[in-house]
Amino acid sequence: MAHGSEDERSSATVERVFARVRELRPDLDVRVAYLDHVEPGAEEALAGLAAEGAGEVVVLPALLTAAYHSKVDLPGVLERVAAACPWLSVRYAGTLGPHTLLLEAVERRLGEVGRSASPDTALVLASAGSSDPEANAVIEEAAAELARRGPWREVAAAYASMASPTPAEAVSRLRAEGASQVVAATYLLAPGFFADRVADQAFAEGAVTVSPALGDAPEVAELVVRRYEEALQTAPAFPRVAAG
């Protein structure tokens, strides 16, 4: 279950992520659905699987942090599907982040644009941002872990919406404090509105490089499989019961 976006680049990227997942696990029936903007919708996809005769499904929120969509929005969908299809057993996987594999994907994307940790270079880890402070704290910890992996001059978290500092504010501060170079890492699953905002703001304040969204980096697909396997070890969110 991906977020969904009006930007076609986003859904195309999500499809590539799960095409890679299918390559890793050709034994699985992997479907992609979206919470907004793109078809099939989450509820439609699950009801469709139930109608096809599925008895069990693992729902995996393809989100980098746990916030409103994974805590409220998607569980609401699952409750409605459970009421309509009581024979369907649903296991609810964890969000993708936080996980070390995502940091490895960040480093991969930076390497692809010619950047790696350096004591004279500061890094801005730029995420979408959330009204949920716990989700933003995950980004802060990810930035701290990247700093420990270093050696960056500093790693600062930034948010494209709902929180501060913005990418522009983070880049501006780091430059004002003496960083000879500032680069930004786009900590988003797919390109789209927020990724464009990150790049526009960072470049406007003097960032020398902005890495692309994580997309179909191999680490992301590997993490999807891990979250799936972890979900199999948990109790179903909605246990199968006899219909009628």
Protein backbone atom coordinates (compact mmCIF):
# COMPACT_ATOMS: atom_id res chain seq x y z
CA MET A 1 0.00 0.00 0.00
CA ALA A 2 1.72 3.13 -1.25
CA HIS A 3 0.69 6.71 -0.56
CA GLY A 4 -0.22 7.62 -4.14
CA SER A 5 0.32 10.89 -5.98
CA GLU A 6 -1.10 12.84 -8.90
CA ASP A 7 2.45 12.87 -10.27
CA GLU A 8 2.81 9.89 -12.60
CA ARG A 9 6.52 9.60 -11.78
CA SER A 10 5.56 8.51 -8.29
CA SER A 11 3.38 5.52 -9.18
CA ALA A 12 5.82 4.48 -11.93
CA THR A 13 8.59 4.38 -9.33
CA VAL A 14 6.48 2.44 -6.85
CA GLU A 15 5.70 -0.12 -9.55
CA ARG A 16 9.44 -0.53 -10.20
CA VAL A 17 10.06 -1.09 -6.50
CA PHE A 18 7.59 -3.95 -6.41
CA ALA A 19 8.77 -5.36 -9.73
CA ARG A 20 12.11 -5.79 -7.98
CA VAL A 21 10.33 -7.41 -5.04
CA ARG A 22 8.76 -9.91 -7.44
CA GLU A 23 12.21 -10.72 -8.78
CA LEU A 24 13.39 -11.44 -5.23
CA ARG A 25 10.33 -13.53 -4.37
CA PRO A 26 8.77 -14.96 -7.55
CA ASP A 27 6.79 -17.35 -5.35
CA LEU A 28 4.65 -14.50 -3.99
CA ASP A 29 1.56 -12.86 -5.46
CA VAL A 30 2.56 -9.21 -5.08
CA ARG A 31 -0.07 -6.54 -5.71
CA VAL A 32 0.31 -2.75 -5.49
CA ALA A 33 -2.46 -0.44 -4.30
CA TYR A 34 -2.64 3.18 -3.22
CA LEU A 35 -4.18 5.22 -0.43
CA ASP A 36 -4.95 8.20 -2.66
CA HIS A 37 -4.90 9.55 -6.22
CA VAL A 38 -4.06 6.28 -8.02
CA GLU A 39 -6.04 3.13 -8.76
CA PRO A 40 -6.51 0.57 -7.43
CA GLY A 41 -7.37 2.03 -4.07
CA ALA A 42 -6.50 0.14 -0.91
CA GLU A 43 -10.03 -0.97 -0.10
CA GLU A 44 -10.78 -1.93 -3.70
CA ALA A 45 -7.60 -4.01 -3.95
CA LEU A 46 -8.28 -5.94 -0.74
CA ALA A 47 -11.92 -6.57 -1.57
CA GLY A 48 -10.81 -7.75 -5.01
CA LEU A 49 -8.40 -10.26 -3.50
CA ALA A 50 -11.12 -11.56 -1.22
CA ALA A 51 -13.46 -11.93 -4.18
CA GLU A 52 -10.76 -13.89 -6.01
CA GLY A 53 -10.76 -16.38 -3.15
CA ALA A 54 -7.74 -15.24 -1.15
CA GLY A 55 -7.83 -16.50 2.43
CA GLU A 56 -4.91 -14.48 3.77
CA VAL A 57 -3.14 -11.28 2.83
CA VAL A 58 -0.19 -9.34 4.20
CA VAL A 59 -0.75 -5.60 3.99
CA LEU A 60 2.51 -3.67 3.91
CA PRO A 61 2.45 0.14 4.12
CA ALA A 62 5.16 1.34 1.73
CA LEU A 63 5.91 4.35 3.92
CA LEU A 64 9.21 5.47 5.41
CA THR A 65 7.75 6.42 8.80
CA ALA A 66 4.73 5.46 10.85
CA ALA A 67 2.31 8.40 10.99
CA TYR A 68 -1.34 9.14 10.20
CA HIS A 69 -1.61 6.91 7.13
CA SER A 70 -0.23 3.81 8.84
CA LYS A 71 -1.72 4.50 12.29
CA VAL A 72 -5.23 5.69 11.36
CA ASP A 73 -6.02 5.76 7.65
CA LEU A 74 -4.97 2.27 6.62
CA PRO A 75 -6.25 0.52 9.78
CA GLY A 76 -9.63 2.09 9.01
CA VAL A 77 -9.52 0.52 5.56
CA LEU A 78 -8.65 -2.86 7.08
CA GLU A 79 -11.56 -2.65 9.51
CA ARG A 80 -14.02 -1.99 6.69
CA VAL A 81 -12.62 -4.84 4.62
CA ALA A 82 -12.73 -7.19 7.61
CA ALA A 83 -16.39 -6.35 8.16
CA ALA A 84 -17.23 -6.96 4.51
CA CYS A 85 -15.00 -10.02 4.05
CA PRO A 86 -14.80 -11.80 7.41
CA TRP A 87 -13.15 -14.88 5.91
CA LEU A 88 -10.05 -12.87 4.89
CA SER A 89 -7.18 -13.10 7.38
CA VAL A 90 -5.13 -9.89 7.33
CA ARG A 91 -1.61 -9.52 8.67
CA TYR A 92 -0.42 -5.93 8.98
CA ALA A 93 3.28 -5.39 8.30
CA GLY A 94 5.33 -2.57 9.74
CA THR A 95 6.23 0.52 7.75
CA LEU A 96 9.51 0.36 5.87
CA GLY A 97 11.29 2.74 8.19
CA PRO A 98 13.14 3.02 10.34
CA HIS A 99 15.74 0.52 9.15
CA THR A 100 19.46 0.47 8.40
CA LEU A 101 18.75 -0.69 4.85
CA LEU A 102 17.12 2.68 4.13
CA LEU A 103 20.30 4.45 5.23
CA GLU A 104 22.26 2.21 2.89
CA ALA A 105 19.87 3.22 0.11
CA VAL A 106 20.48 6.89 0.96
CA GLU A 107 24.23 6.33 0.70
CA ARG A 108 23.75 4.47 -2.59
CA ARG A 109 21.77 7.36 -4.10
CA LEU A 110 24.37 9.86 -2.91
CA GLY A 111 27.12 7.74 -4.43
CA GLU A 112 25.28 7.66 -7.74
CA VAL A 113 25.51 11.46 -7.91
CA GLY A 114 29.15 11.44 -6.92
CA ARG A 115 28.85 12.21 -3.22
CA SER A 116 30.08 10.35 -0.17
CA ALA A 117 30.76 11.27 3.43
CA SER A 118 33.51 13.83 3.87
CA PRO A 119 34.60 15.93 6.88
CA ASP A 120 34.24 19.16 4.88
CA THR A 121 30.74 18.35 3.58
CA ALA A 122 27.45 18.69 5.46
CA LEU A 123 24.42 16.59 4.62
CA VAL A 124 20.74 17.46 4.81
CA LEU A 125 18.45 14.44 5.14
CA ALA A 126 15.20 15.78 3.70
CA SER A 127 11.92 13.96 4.27
CA ALA A 128 8.29 14.78 3.55
CA GLY A 129 7.60 15.78 7.15
CA SER A 130 4.62 14.98 9.35
CA SER A 131 2.35 16.46 11.98
CA ASP A 132 3.23 13.38 14.05
CA PRO A 133 6.27 14.20 16.22
CA GLU A 134 7.16 10.51 16.50
CA ALA A 135 7.52 10.28 12.73
CA ASN A 136 9.75 13.36 12.65
CA ALA A 137 11.82 11.91 15.48
CA VAL A 138 12.52 8.91 13.26
CA ILE A 139 14.07 11.26 10.70
CA GLU A 140 16.15 12.93 13.41
CA GLU A 141 17.48 9.54 14.49
CA ALA A 142 18.18 8.55 10.87
CA ALA A 143 20.20 11.75 10.46
CA ALA A 144 22.09 10.98 13.67
CA GLU A 145 22.86 7.45 12.47
CA LEU A 146 24.12 8.75 9.11
CA ALA A 147 26.38 11.12 11.06
CA ARG A 148 27.73 8.17 13.05
CA ARG A 149 28.32 6.25 9.82
CA GLY A 150 30.04 9.43 8.46
CA PRO A 151 32.41 11.08 8.38
CA TRP A 152 30.15 14.03 7.46
CA ARG A 153 30.82 17.48 8.92
CA GLU A 154 27.21 17.35 10.17
CA VAL A 155 23.96 15.67 9.20
CA ALA A 156 20.79 17.71 9.65
CA ALA A 157 17.21 16.49 9.31
CA ALA A 158 14.81 18.65 7.30
CA TYR A 159 11.16 18.48 6.32
CA ALA A 160 9.39 19.50 3.13
CA SER A 161 6.13 20.12 5.02
CA MET A 162 4.47 20.16 8.45
CA ALA A 163 7.69 20.64 10.45
CA SER A 164 10.91 22.59 10.59
CA PRO A 165 13.59 23.13 9.58
CA THR A 166 12.71 23.14 5.91
CA PRO A 167 15.37 22.00 3.43
CA ALA A 168 16.04 25.67 2.65
CA GLU A 169 16.51 26.51 6.33
CA ALA A 170 18.78 23.55 6.95
CA VAL A 171 21.03 24.26 3.97
CA SER A 172 21.18 27.96 4.84
CA ARG A 173 22.20 27.26 8.44
CA LEU A 174 24.89 24.76 7.52
CA ARG A 175 26.43 27.16 5.01
CA ALA A 176 26.27 30.03 7.48
CA GLU A 177 28.07 27.88 10.04
CA GLY A 178 30.98 27.29 7.70
CA ALA A 179 30.30 24.12 5.73
CA SER A 180 32.25 24.46 2.49
CA GLN A 181 29.79 22.15 0.75
CA VAL A 182 26.24 21.10 1.56
CA VAL A 183 24.51 18.20 -0.15
CA ALA A 184 20.93 17.04 0.32
CA ALA A 185 19.58 13.49 0.34
CA THR A 186 15.97 13.04 -0.72
CA TYR A 187 14.57 10.71 1.93
CA LEU A 188 11.40 9.87 0.02
CA LEU A 189 10.29 6.68 -1.64
CA ALA A 190 9.42 8.26 -4.99
CA PRO A 191 9.74 11.48 -6.98
CA GLY A 192 6.88 13.94 -6.97
CA PHE A 193 5.75 17.16 -5.33
CA PHE A 194 7.78 16.83 -2.13
CA ALA A 195 10.92 15.61 -3.89
CA ASP A 196 10.72 18.60 -6.22
CA ARG A 197 10.28 20.92 -3.24
CA VAL A 198 13.33 19.43 -1.54
CA ALA A 199 15.48 19.94 -4.62
CA ASP A 200 14.20 23.43 -5.38
CA GLN A 201 14.73 24.68 -1.82
CA ALA A 202 18.11 23.04 -1.34
CA PHE A 203 19.55 24.32 -4.61
CA ALA A 204 18.14 27.80 -4.00
CA GLU A 205 20.13 28.04 -0.76
CA GLY A 206 23.37 26.76 -2.26
CA ALA A 207 23.36 22.98 -2.00
CA VAL A 208 25.81 21.55 -4.52
CA THR A 209 23.98 18.26 -5.04
CA VAL A 210 20.59 16.73 -4.30
CA SER A 211 20.31 12.96 -4.56
CA PRO A 212 17.15 11.40 -6.04
CA ALA A 213 14.42 9.59 -4.14
CA LEU A 214 15.23 6.08 -2.90
CA GLY A 215 12.93 4.45 -5.46
CA ASP A 216 13.87 0.98 -6.60
CA ALA A 217 17.21 0.85 -4.84
CA PRO A 218 17.94 -2.83 -4.12
CA GLU A 219 17.93 -2.15 -0.38
CA VAL A 220 14.32 -0.97 -0.52
CA ALA A 221 13.11 -4.15 -2.20
CA GLU A 222 15.08 -6.26 0.26
CA LEU A 223 13.46 -4.36 3.11
CA VAL A 224 9.98 -4.99 1.70
CA VAL A 225 10.69 -8.73 1.78
CA ARG A 226 11.99 -8.51 5.34
CA ARG A 227 8.89 -6.66 6.53
CA TYR A 228 6.73 -9.27 4.82
CA GLU A 229 8.59 -12.10 6.53
CA GLU A 230 8.35 -10.33 9.90
CA ALA A 231 4.58 -9.95 9.43
CA LEU A 232 4.24 -13.70 8.96
CA GLN A 233 5.56 -14.13 12.51
CA THR A 234 2.84 -11.95 14.02
CA ALA A 235 -0.79 -12.67 14.72
CA PRO A 236 -3.29 -11.56 12.09
CA ALA A 237 -4.74 -8.12 12.71
CA PHE A 238 -8.08 -9.56 11.72
CA PRO A 239 -8.21 -13.34 12.36
CA ARG A 240 -10.08 -15.50 9.93
CA VAL A 241 -13.59 -16.40 11.18
CA ALA A 242 -16.30 -18.51 9.68
CA ALA A 243 -18.47 -16.60 7.26
CA GLY A 244 -22.12 -16.28 8.27
